[in-house]
Amino acid sequence: MLKKIALIFLFQIVLGYAKAQEIAPLWKDFLEAKKTGKEAVLPDFSFAGYHFSEKNIPDVSKHKYFNVKDFGAIPNDDKFDDEAIQKTIKAAEAYHKPAVVYFPAGKYLIAPDEDASKYISIHKSNIILKGEGSGINGTEIYQANKRVNGRQFIFKPNNAKPEKITQIIKNAKRASFEVTVTDASTLKVGQDIIINHRSEAYTKQYFAPLNLKPQWTRLFGEQGGMLIFEIHTITKIEGNKLTFKNPIHLDINMIEGKSWNILTYPSIEECGIEDILFTSNWKSYPEEFVHHKDQIHDYAYEAVGMEFVKNSWVRNCVFQDWNEGIHIKSGYQISILNTHFRGKKGHASVHARAGYGVLIKNCSFNGAQHHGAGNGYSAVNTVITQCTLGKDQNFDIHSGQPIATLFDAIEGGVFYNLGGPEPGYPHHGKDLVLWNFNHLAEKNQHYNFWDETRRRNNTIAQPILVGFTSNTTVTFENIGVNQSQGKNVLPKSLFEAQLKLRLTHAK
């Protein structure tokens, strides 16, 4: 009887909590748009992560294991293991089936010199780097010497140069899934492609009525403009009409003299990193980090790069004492999960650019880098959800006009002093959404999101804030939407709610 009363009491508490929180009006708008086929204010961010979060990351225990110790690596000594690790990777690649490059527990040394042209490479699909855990008595990979602008593990296909296939010949709406091309005869269902365009005329049209400063020089001239680089998967071909798996995130409008091209998307896939502690000797450098002081402070120790990689992941790892942790370029359906950034402060943690659907979930960035997770340079549909940042740690919108970015159920962090050079401004295009973002700062803040008077400003096109909270007074101007400031809203996570809605409708 007492148990039953306790359950009723708990239910009443939960029900009262739900009533205390309001359902966000923009969520109601999104649901209505899905019912009626109209265009919602919010983008559909659910197309993010490994296989667009429709599949679980595989259990790799059944893959064939290639043990680095069998190829000459010796943990916990003073010798370097770069060559042995690379030999192990080559053997795994030659297997031509899913394979694990396995690091038994212990500390492995890499980077015996300061030659930044050297790195450990993965060029083929189905290769997973796996250790025995990122905690005590687990696997540690330690970069001993600085290699400025040299990432130490790079996943990248041998041929990573997109090629033109055809052109789009009709306008298409944001949030739609179809385009019409001149010739679809060489395309196939299941193929990944890139929508590519760049022109000053379209850029002015896209940002209107916002003014573009002449100092933003990359936007102007015959070769200028925001670079559009959306990756999509074809699900249907009818004549010259292509249907995509994932939505388009901007209006496609024909521009005289400037084509909208369909390019190939060369990639490797099903690659991963899990259960490893990555560390470096940045902790011993005799200066504390100063943002942009010099190349050493920004780029001396960089851990992982992923370029033209799809359906891949990093999970259950720790990056401690790094100038840069994970850099993802032209990634497609990538998940960074349960991964944490610690140690001496450095430059960047996770940065995604020129890709689509990078998901960063359940990660912590608590002051270990100047920038928490973020993106830049044409990235589309980047989702950072259920993560924690440090007080006054800024997220990274690194200019170059990324579009449709979601910061979702975030605890901590600020958004002043965003990254990127002034010629590459604006920082962000449309559809930057902050959903249940809890801003933590030492001082009150005022954000002008389209400030043309200062060099270091926030140039974000009409951002959308829903359920924004803060520990100090925060005010805004030049904002697109600001709903329910000062209190959290339902759903708690926009990404999870949109994903559940999509997967439910798919059944």
Protein backbone atom coordinates (compact mmCIF):
# COMPACT_ATOMS: atom_id res chain seq x y z
CA MET A 1 0.00 0.00 0.00
CA LEU A 2 2.80 2.41 0.92
CA LYS A 3 4.54 1.61 -2.36
CA LYS A 4 1.33 2.43 -4.27
CA ILE A 5 0.95 5.75 -2.43
CA ALA A 6 4.59 6.60 -3.17
CA LEU A 7 4.09 5.87 -6.86
CA ILE A 8 0.98 8.06 -6.99
CA PHE A 9 2.87 10.85 -5.24
CA LEU A 10 5.79 10.54 -7.67
CA PHE A 11 3.40 10.63 -10.63
CA GLN A 12 1.81 13.82 -9.25
CA ILE A 13 5.24 15.43 -8.90
CA VAL A 14 6.17 14.53 -12.48
CA LEU A 15 2.80 15.71 -13.78
CA GLY A 16 3.14 18.98 -11.91
CA TYR A 17 6.64 19.48 -13.31
CA ALA A 18 5.38 18.92 -16.85
CA LYS A 19 2.56 21.42 -16.31
CA ALA A 20 5.05 23.95 -14.95
CA GLN A 21 6.93 23.82 -18.22
CA GLU A 22 5.20 25.05 -21.33
CA ILE A 23 5.29 23.35 -24.70
CA ALA A 24 7.27 25.63 -26.99
CA PRO A 25 5.10 27.39 -29.58
CA LEU A 26 7.71 26.64 -32.24
CA TRP A 27 7.40 22.94 -31.45
CA LYS A 28 3.64 23.19 -32.00
CA ASP A 29 4.37 24.98 -35.29
CA PHE A 30 6.74 22.17 -36.31
CA LEU A 31 4.14 19.48 -35.55
CA GLU A 32 1.47 21.36 -37.48
CA ALA A 33 3.80 21.78 -40.46
CA LYS A 34 4.47 18.04 -40.51
CA LYS A 35 0.73 17.38 -40.59
CA THR A 36 -0.11 19.92 -43.29
CA GLY A 37 3.03 19.84 -45.43
CA LYS A 38 3.75 23.52 -44.80
CA GLU A 39 7.23 24.86 -44.14
CA ALA A 40 8.08 25.02 -40.44
CA VAL A 41 10.08 27.79 -38.82
CA LEU A 42 12.38 25.19 -37.24
CA PRO A 43 14.58 23.01 -39.43
CA ASP A 44 14.31 19.25 -39.04
CA PHE A 45 17.56 18.51 -37.21
CA SER A 46 16.83 14.80 -36.79
CA PHE A 47 18.97 13.80 -39.78
CA ALA A 48 22.20 13.74 -37.80
CA GLY A 49 24.57 11.12 -36.48
CA TYR A 50 25.60 7.63 -37.53
CA HIS A 51 23.11 6.46 -40.20
CA PHE A 52 21.03 9.54 -39.30
CA SER A 53 20.53 8.01 -35.82
CA GLU A 54 18.36 5.25 -37.31
CA LYS A 55 20.83 2.50 -36.38
CA ASN A 56 22.94 1.78 -33.34
CA ILE A 57 26.68 1.95 -33.69
CA PRO A 58 27.77 -1.67 -34.17
CA ASP A 59 29.22 -3.90 -31.50
CA VAL A 60 32.70 -4.41 -32.94
CA SER A 61 33.57 -7.35 -30.69
CA LYS A 62 32.74 -9.73 -33.53
CA HIS A 63 35.07 -7.99 -35.99
CA LYS A 64 38.51 -9.42 -36.65
CA TYR A 65 41.07 -7.91 -34.25
CA PHE A 66 44.55 -6.76 -35.28
CA ASN A 67 46.61 -6.29 -32.12
CA VAL A 68 49.20 -3.50 -32.36
CA LYS A 69 51.52 -5.51 -30.07
CA ASP A 70 51.67 -8.22 -32.73
CA PHE A 71 53.14 -5.65 -35.13
CA GLY A 72 55.81 -4.32 -32.79
CA ALA A 73 54.08 -1.83 -30.50
CA ILE A 74 55.18 -2.07 -26.88
CA PRO A 75 53.17 -0.13 -24.29
CA ASN A 76 54.68 1.50 -21.22
CA ASP A 77 58.23 1.85 -22.56
CA ASP A 78 60.22 4.83 -23.90
CA LYS A 79 60.09 3.79 -27.58
CA PHE A 80 57.76 5.22 -30.18
CA ASP A 81 54.97 3.13 -31.67
CA ASP A 82 54.03 5.10 -34.81
CA GLU A 83 55.44 2.57 -37.28
CA ALA A 84 53.91 -0.39 -35.51
CA ILE A 85 50.50 1.29 -35.38
CA GLN A 86 50.66 2.12 -39.08
CA LYS A 87 51.68 -1.46 -39.93
CA THR A 88 48.70 -2.74 -37.96
CA ILE A 89 46.34 -0.40 -39.80
CA LYS A 90 47.70 -1.50 -43.19
CA ALA A 91 47.20 -5.15 -42.26
CA ALA A 92 43.63 -4.39 -41.16
CA GLU A 93 42.95 -2.51 -44.41
CA ALA A 94 44.27 -5.46 -46.44
CA TYR A 95 41.72 -7.72 -44.74
CA HIS A 96 38.93 -5.99 -46.76
CA LYS A 97 36.34 -6.69 -44.08
CA PRO A 98 35.40 -4.87 -40.86
CA ALA A 99 38.46 -4.89 -38.62
CA VAL A 100 39.54 -3.56 -35.25
CA VAL A 101 42.99 -2.08 -34.70
CA TYR A 102 43.28 -3.04 -31.07
CA PHE A 103 45.36 -1.27 -28.43
CA PRO A 104 45.66 -3.39 -25.26
CA ALA A 105 45.87 -1.48 -22.00
CA GLY A 106 48.94 0.67 -21.54
CA LYS A 107 50.58 3.87 -22.79
CA TYR A 108 51.68 4.16 -26.42
CA LEU A 109 54.04 6.91 -27.57
CA ILE A 110 53.68 8.70 -30.93
CA ALA A 111 55.36 11.66 -32.67
CA PRO A 112 59.11 11.05 -32.15
CA ASP A 113 59.96 14.38 -33.85
CA GLU A 114 58.39 17.71 -34.82
CA ASP A 115 57.79 16.89 -38.50
CA ALA A 116 54.17 17.95 -39.05
CA SER A 117 54.00 16.17 -42.41
CA LYS A 118 54.04 12.81 -40.61
CA TYR A 119 50.86 11.22 -39.32
CA ILE A 120 49.10 7.89 -38.93
CA SER A 121 46.65 7.41 -41.81
CA ILE A 122 43.50 5.38 -42.37
CA HIS A 123 42.46 5.36 -46.05
CA LYS A 124 39.89 2.56 -46.21
CA SER A 125 36.45 1.81 -44.80
CA ASN A 126 35.58 -0.45 -41.87
CA ILE A 127 38.59 0.34 -39.66
CA ILE A 128 38.01 0.93 -35.94
CA LEU A 129 40.69 2.03 -33.48
CA LYS A 130 39.80 0.51 -30.12
CA GLY A 131 41.40 0.50 -26.71
CA GLU A 132 40.67 -0.95 -23.29
CA GLY A 133 38.98 2.15 -21.94
CA SER A 134 39.81 5.82 -21.37
CA GLY A 135 40.07 5.58 -17.59
CA ILE A 136 42.53 4.16 -15.10
CA ASN A 137 44.25 0.99 -16.34
CA GLY A 138 42.93 1.66 -19.84
CA THR A 139 44.60 2.62 -23.13
CA GLU A 140 46.52 5.88 -23.53
CA ILE A 141 47.99 7.28 -26.76
CA TYR A 142 50.45 10.08 -26.03
CA GLN A 143 51.84 12.63 -28.51
CA ALA A 144 55.31 13.46 -27.20
CA ASN A 145 56.44 16.23 -29.58
CA LYS A 146 54.59 19.17 -31.04
CA ARG A 147 53.69 19.02 -34.73
CA VAL A 148 52.25 22.40 -35.64
CA ASN A 149 49.22 22.05 -37.94
CA GLY A 150 49.66 18.29 -38.04
CA ARG A 151 46.87 16.00 -36.91
CA GLN A 152 48.18 12.64 -35.76
CA PHE A 153 45.39 10.26 -36.81
CA ILE A 154 43.73 11.09 -40.13
CA PHE A 155 40.83 9.17 -41.64
CA LYS A 156 40.59 10.14 -45.32
CA PRO A 157 40.05 8.33 -48.64
CA ASN A 158 42.92 8.30 -51.11
CA ASN A 159 40.75 10.19 -53.61
CA ALA A 160 38.89 12.98 -51.86
CA LYS A 161 38.19 15.25 -54.82
CA PRO A 162 34.49 15.71 -55.71
CA GLU A 163 33.70 15.79 -59.44
CA LYS A 164 30.81 17.44 -61.27
CA ILE A 165 28.02 15.12 -62.47
CA THR A 166 25.14 17.37 -63.52
CA GLN A 167 23.33 20.61 -62.72
CA ILE A 168 20.13 21.61 -60.92
CA ILE A 169 17.80 23.46 -63.30
CA LYS A 170 14.76 24.40 -61.15
CA ASN A 171 14.24 26.21 -57.88
CA ALA A 172 13.72 24.10 -54.76
CA LYS A 173 12.38 25.09 -51.36
CA ARG A 174 14.06 24.88 -48.00
CA ALA A 175 12.92 21.79 -46.07
CA SER A 176 12.04 19.99 -49.32
CA PHE A 177 13.61 16.74 -50.53
CA GLU A 178 13.63 17.07 -54.32
CA VAL A 179 15.62 18.72 -57.09
CA THR A 180 15.42 18.59 -60.88
CA VAL A 181 18.64 18.18 -62.86
CA THR A 182 19.66 18.34 -66.51
CA ASP A 183 20.61 14.66 -66.70
CA ALA A 184 20.15 11.92 -64.10
CA SER A 185 21.26 9.01 -66.30
CA THR A 186 24.55 8.42 -64.47
CA LEU A 187 23.08 8.70 -60.97
CA LYS A 188 21.89 5.78 -58.83
CA VAL A 189 19.53 5.28 -55.91
CA GLY A 190 21.60 5.10 -52.72
CA GLN A 191 24.31 7.36 -54.13
CA ASP A 192 25.63 10.23 -52.03
CA ILE A 193 26.00 13.57 -53.80
CA ILE A 194 26.90 17.17 -53.00
CA ILE A 195 24.79 20.22 -53.87
CA ASN A 196 27.35 22.91 -54.66
CA HIS A 197 26.98 26.60 -55.48
CA ARG A 198 28.82 29.84 -54.92
CA SER A 199 27.89 33.33 -56.09
CA GLU A 200 27.75 36.88 -54.80
CA ALA A 201 24.23 37.30 -56.22
CA TYR A 202 22.78 34.35 -54.31
CA THR A 203 24.58 35.41 -51.11
CA LYS A 204 23.01 38.86 -51.20
CA GLN A 205 19.61 37.29 -51.88
CA TYR A 206 20.03 34.78 -49.06
CA PHE A 207 20.99 37.33 -46.39
CA ALA A 208 18.61 40.12 -47.46
CA PRO A 209 17.58 42.46 -45.89
CA LEU A 210 20.70 42.18 -43.72
CA ASN A 211 23.60 44.32 -44.90
CA LEU A 212 26.91 42.67 -45.87
CA LYS A 213 30.03 44.64 -44.98
CA PRO A 214 32.71 45.19 -47.67
CA GLN A 215 35.30 43.87 -45.18
CA TRP A 216 33.73 40.43 -45.62
CA THR A 217 35.70 40.08 -48.81
CA ARG A 218 35.10 36.37 -49.46
CA LEU A 219 31.48 37.14 -50.25
CA PHE A 220 32.17 39.39 -53.22
CA GLY A 221 33.51 39.18 -56.76
CA GLU A 222 33.32 36.65 -59.58
CA GLN A 223 34.62 33.82 -57.35
CA GLY A 224 33.00 35.10 -54.19
CA GLY A 225 29.93 34.18 -52.17
CA MET A 226 28.94 31.81 -49.40
CA LEU A 227 30.05 28.29 -50.32
CA ILE A 228 27.11 25.88 -50.41
CA PHE A 229 28.15 22.27 -49.87
CA GLU A 230 25.16 20.14 -48.84
CA ILE A 231 25.58 16.36 -48.85
CA HIS A 232 22.54 14.20 -49.66
CA THR A 233 21.62 10.59 -50.36
CA ILE A 234 19.40 9.79 -53.35
CA THR A 235 16.37 7.60 -52.51
CA LYS A 236 14.42 7.90 -55.79
CA ILE A 237 15.03 8.91 -59.41
CA GLU A 238 12.07 9.73 -61.64
CA GLY A 239 13.21 11.06 -65.00
CA ASN A 240 15.41 13.97 -64.08
CA LYS A 241 13.91 14.47 -60.61
CA LEU A 242 15.97 13.35 -57.62
CA THR A 243 14.47 12.62 -54.20
CA PHE A 244 16.76 12.75 -51.18
CA LYS A 245 16.78 10.96 -47.84
CA ASN A 246 17.58 14.18 -45.96
CA PRO A 247 16.09 17.67 -46.33
CA ILE A 248 17.58 20.66 -48.12
CA HIS A 249 18.32 23.44 -45.65
CA LEU A 250 18.08 26.52 -47.87
CA ASP A 251 16.07 27.78 -50.83
CA ILE A 252 17.68 26.90 -54.15
CA ASN A 253 17.15 29.76 -56.60
CA MET A 254 18.53 29.86 -60.12
CA ILE A 255 21.12 32.59 -60.57
CA GLU A 256 21.93 33.81 -64.07
CA GLY A 257 25.45 32.81 -65.08
CA LYS A 258 26.06 30.73 -61.92
CA SER A 259 25.12 27.06 -61.84
CA TRP A 260 23.96 24.82 -59.02
CA ASN A 261 26.06 21.71 -59.47
CA ILE A 262 25.64 18.11 -58.37
CA LEU A 263 29.04 16.67 -57.38
CA THR A 264 30.23 13.23 -56.37
CA TYR A 265 30.87 12.62 -52.68
CA PRO A 266 33.97 10.39 -52.39
CA SER A 267 34.19 8.84 -48.94
CA ILE A 268 35.19 6.02 -46.66
CA GLU A 269 32.68 4.69 -44.13
CA GLU A 270 32.08 2.65 -41.00
CA CYS A 271 35.24 3.92 -39.31
CA GLY A 272 35.47 4.57 -35.61
CA ILE A 273 37.50 5.34 -32.52
CA GLU A 274 36.46 4.09 -29.11
CA ASP A 275 37.65 3.53 -25.55
CA ILE A 276 40.96 5.44 -25.79
CA LEU A 277 42.53 8.22 -23.72
CA PHE A 278 44.39 10.63 -26.02
CA THR A 279 47.00 12.83 -24.31
CA SER A 280 49.84 15.09 -25.39
CA ASN A 281 52.85 16.99 -24.11
CA TRP A 282 51.04 20.32 -24.45
CA LYS A 283 50.68 20.10 -20.68
CA SER A 284 54.46 20.66 -20.34
CA TYR A 285 54.69 23.71 -22.63
CA PRO A 286 55.95 26.55 -20.41
CA GLU A 287 53.12 28.97 -21.23
CA GLU A 288 49.43 28.98 -20.50
CA PHE A 289 47.15 29.08 -23.53
CA VAL A 290 46.46 32.45 -25.13
CA HIS A 291 43.95 32.43 -27.97
CA HIS A 292 45.66 33.17 -31.30
CA LYS A 293 48.94 34.13 -29.66
CA ASP A 294 50.86 32.06 -32.22
CA GLN A 295 50.81 28.80 -34.18
CA ILE A 296 52.07 26.81 -31.21
CA HIS A 297 49.27 27.96 -28.91
CA ASP A 298 46.62 27.23 -31.51
CA TYR A 299 47.88 24.17 -33.39
CA ALA A 300 50.91 22.49 -31.77
CA TYR A 301 49.17 19.31 -30.64
CA GLU A 302 46.22 18.10 -32.73
CA ALA A 303 44.79 14.63 -32.28
CA VAL A 304 42.25 13.38 -34.85
CA GLY A 305 41.13 14.43 -38.31
CA MET A 306 38.24 12.94 -40.30
CA GLU A 307 37.80 14.06 -43.93
CA PHE A 308 35.19 12.76 -46.37
CA VAL A 309 34.13 10.12 -43.87
CA LYS A 310 30.51 8.93 -43.53
CA ASN A 311 28.57 6.76 -41.08
CA SER A 312 31.43 6.79 -38.58
CA TRP A 313 31.98 7.66 -34.94
CA VAL A 314 34.10 8.54 -31.94
CA ARG A 315 32.73 7.28 -28.63
CA ASN A 316 33.76 6.75 -25.02
CA CYS A 317 37.06 8.58 -25.43
CA VAL A 318 38.87 11.29 -23.49
CA PHE A 319 41.05 14.03 -25.01
CA GLN A 320 43.30 15.51 -22.36
CA ASP A 321 45.83 18.34 -22.86
CA TRP A 322 45.29 19.22 -26.55
CA ASN A 323 45.34 22.32 -28.67
CA GLU A 324 42.77 20.61 -30.89
CA GLY A 325 40.85 17.39 -30.31
CA ILE A 326 38.70 16.31 -33.28
CA HIS A 327 38.47 18.07 -36.64
CA ILE A 328 35.79 16.85 -39.07
CA LYS A 329 35.82 18.11 -42.66
CA SER A 330 33.14 17.11 -45.18
CA GLY A 331 31.86 14.47 -42.77
CA TYR A 332 28.45 12.90 -43.33
CA GLN A 333 26.40 11.19 -40.63
CA ILE A 334 29.11 11.28 -37.94
CA SER A 335 28.51 10.69 -34.22
CA ILE A 336 30.72 11.96 -31.41
CA LEU A 337 29.31 10.35 -28.27
CA ASN A 338 30.19 10.24 -24.57
CA THR A 339 33.55 11.85 -25.24
CA HIS A 340 35.17 14.32 -22.87
CA PHE A 341 37.76 17.09 -23.09
CA ARG A 342 39.97 17.78 -20.10
CA GLY A 343 43.32 19.08 -18.94
CA LYS A 344 45.36 22.15 -19.84
CA LYS A 345 43.38 24.69 -21.80
CA GLY A 346 43.90 24.62 -25.57
CA HIS A 347 42.25 25.96 -28.72
CA ALA A 348 39.45 23.77 -30.16
CA SER A 349 37.64 20.63 -29.04
CA VAL A 350 35.34 19.31 -31.82
CA HIS A 351 34.99 21.30 -35.02
CA ALA A 352 32.83 20.32 -38.01
CA ARG A 353 32.98 22.04 -41.38
CA ALA A 354 31.64 21.48 -44.91
CA GLY A 355 29.63 18.41 -43.92
CA TYR A 356 26.08 17.38 -43.09
CA GLY A 357 24.65 15.69 -40.02
CA VAL A 358 27.48 15.70 -37.47
CA LEU A 359 26.01 14.78 -34.07
CA ILE A 360 27.86 15.66 -30.86
CA LYS A 361 25.99 14.17 -27.92
CA ASN A 362 26.56 13.62 -24.20
CA CYS A 363 30.02 15.19 -24.28
CA SER A 364 31.71 17.58 -21.86
CA PHE A 365 33.99 20.48 -22.74
CA ASN A 366 34.31 22.08 -19.35
CA GLY A 367 36.92 24.73 -20.06
CA ALA A 368 39.54 22.38 -21.50
CA GLN A 369 39.59 24.32 -24.78
CA HIS A 370 38.86 27.94 -25.62
CA HIS A 371 36.08 26.68 -27.92
CA GLY A 372 33.55 24.07 -27.01
CA ALA A 373 32.02 22.06 -29.83
CA GLY A 374 31.03 23.93 -32.96
CA ASN A 375 31.32 24.36 -36.69
CA GLY A 376 32.04 26.67 -39.60
CA TYR A 377 32.64 26.92 -43.34
CA SER A 378 29.52 25.51 -45.01
CA ALA A 379 28.63 22.92 -42.36
CA VAL A 380 24.95 21.91 -42.45
CA ASN A 381 22.70 20.33 -39.82
CA THR A 382 25.30 20.13 -37.07
CA VAL A 383 23.68 19.05 -33.78
CA ILE A 384 25.30 19.59 -30.37
CA THR A 385 22.96 18.11 -27.77
CA GLN A 386 22.94 17.30 -24.05
CA CYS A 387 26.49 18.55 -23.53
CA THR A 388 28.17 20.68 -20.87
CA LEU A 389 30.50 23.65 -21.32
CA GLY A 390 32.42 25.64 -18.76
CA LYS A 391 31.45 29.04 -17.46
CA ASP A 392 32.44 31.67 -20.08
CA GLN A 393 33.59 28.94 -22.49
CA ASN A 394 32.35 29.89 -25.93
CA PHE A 395 31.01 27.54 -28.53
CA ASP A 396 32.70 27.66 -31.92
CA ILE A 397 30.88 29.25 -34.85
CA HIS A 398 34.00 29.81 -36.90
CA SER A 399 32.60 31.97 -39.73
CA GLY A 400 32.25 30.72 -43.32
CA GLN A 401 28.44 30.63 -43.10
CA PRO A 402 27.39 27.25 -41.69
CA ILE A 403 23.62 26.84 -41.78
CA ALA A 404 21.03 25.02 -39.65
CA THR A 405 22.98 24.43 -36.43
CA LEU A 406 21.34 23.23 -33.22
CA PHE A 407 22.66 23.76 -29.69
CA ASP A 408 20.21 21.66 -27.73
CA ALA A 409 19.79 21.15 -23.97
CA ILE A 410 23.23 22.65 -23.32
CA GLU A 411 24.46 23.38 -19.82
CA GLY A 412 27.00 26.21 -19.67
CA GLY A 413 28.89 28.31 -22.13
CA VAL A 414 28.56 31.68 -23.83
CA PHE A 415 28.56 33.01 -27.38
CA TYR A 416 30.82 36.01 -27.50
CA ASN A 417 34.26 36.11 -29.15
CA LEU A 418 33.28 33.60 -31.82
CA GLY A 419 36.04 32.35 -34.10
CA GLY A 420 37.11 32.97 -37.66
CA PRO A 421 38.78 35.74 -39.69
CA GLU A 422 36.81 38.85 -40.64
CA PRO A 423 37.05 38.22 -44.44
CA GLY A 424 35.10 35.00 -43.79
CA TYR A 425 32.18 36.63 -41.94
CA PRO A 426 29.24 36.30 -41.39
CA HIS A 427 29.78 33.72 -38.72
CA HIS A 428 26.57 31.87 -39.46
CA GLY A 429 23.77 31.82 -42.01
CA LYS A 430 20.15 31.22 -41.11
CA ASP A 431 18.69 28.72 -38.67
CA LEU A 432 21.09 28.77 -35.75
CA VAL A 433 18.83 27.41 -33.00
CA LEU A 434 19.57 27.56 -29.27
CA TRP A 435 17.05 25.28 -27.53
CA ASN A 436 16.98 25.13 -23.72
CA PHE A 437 20.45 26.66 -23.59
CA ASN A 438 21.63 27.57 -20.06
CA HIS A 439 24.12 30.43 -20.45
CA LEU A 440 26.76 30.58 -17.69
CA ALA A 441 28.96 33.67 -17.37
CA GLU A 442 30.65 35.77 -14.72
CA LYS A 443 29.12 39.02 -16.00
CA ASN A 444 25.95 40.30 -17.62
CA GLN A 445 26.03 40.07 -21.40
CA HIS A 446 24.45 41.90 -24.32
CA TYR A 447 24.50 40.24 -27.73
CA ASN A 448 23.97 42.14 -30.95
CA PHE A 449 23.72 39.36 -33.53
CA TRP A 450 24.30 41.62 -36.53
CA ASP A 451 26.75 44.22 -35.28
CA GLU A 452 28.42 45.98 -38.22
CA THR A 453 30.37 48.46 -36.11
CA ARG A 454 32.96 46.18 -34.50
CA ARG A 455 35.60 43.80 -35.82
CA ARG A 456 34.98 41.12 -33.21
CA ASN A 457 31.28 40.65 -33.16
CA ASN A 458 28.58 38.07 -33.60
CA THR A 459 27.35 38.06 -37.19
CA ILE A 460 24.57 35.47 -37.11
CA ALA A 461 21.56 35.79 -39.38
CA GLN A 462 18.43 36.02 -37.24
CA PRO A 463 19.12 33.24 -34.70
CA ILE A 464 16.28 31.38 -32.99
CA LEU A 465 16.29 31.12 -29.18
CA VAL A 466 13.77 28.97 -27.34
CA GLY A 467 13.87 28.33 -23.58
CA PHE A 468 17.04 30.38 -23.06
CA THR A 469 18.12 30.67 -19.43
CA SER A 470 21.12 32.30 -17.75
CA ASN A 471 22.74 32.89 -14.39
CA THR A 472 23.26 36.60 -15.16
CA THR A 473 21.28 39.19 -17.11
CA VAL A 474 21.50 38.56 -20.86
CA THR A 475 19.90 40.81 -23.48
CA PHE A 476 19.72 40.64 -27.27
CA GLU A 477 19.21 42.65 -30.42
CA ASN A 478 18.97 41.68 -34.09
CA ILE A 479 17.48 38.35 -33.16
CA GLY A 480 15.07 36.29 -35.23
CA VAL A 481 12.92 34.59 -32.57
CA ASN A 482 13.20 34.61 -28.79
CA GLN A 483 10.56 32.45 -27.10
CA SER A 484 10.21 31.73 -23.39
CA GLN A 485 13.41 33.41 -22.21
CA GLY A 486 14.05 32.65 -18.58
CA LYS A 487 12.36 29.24 -18.46
CA ASN A 488 12.94 25.85 -20.04
CA VAL A 489 10.37 24.49 -22.45
CA LEU A 490 9.13 21.14 -23.65
CA PRO A 491 10.35 19.09 -25.36
CA LYS A 492 13.50 19.18 -23.29
CA SER A 493 15.61 18.08 -26.28
CA LEU A 494 14.49 19.28 -29.70
CA PHE A 495 16.74 16.75 -31.43
CA GLU A 496 15.36 13.77 -29.52
CA ALA A 497 11.77 14.90 -30.07
CA GLN A 498 12.26 15.43 -33.81
CA LEU A 499 14.04 12.09 -34.16
CA LYS A 500 11.29 10.23 -32.29
CA LEU A 501 8.66 11.90 -34.45
CA ARG A 502 10.44 10.96 -37.68
CA LEU A 503 11.14 7.37 -36.71
CA THR A 504 7.57 6.88 -35.45
CA HIS A 505 6.13 8.14 -38.74
CA ALA A 506 8.52 5.89 -40.68
CA LYS A 507 7.08 2.72 -39.13
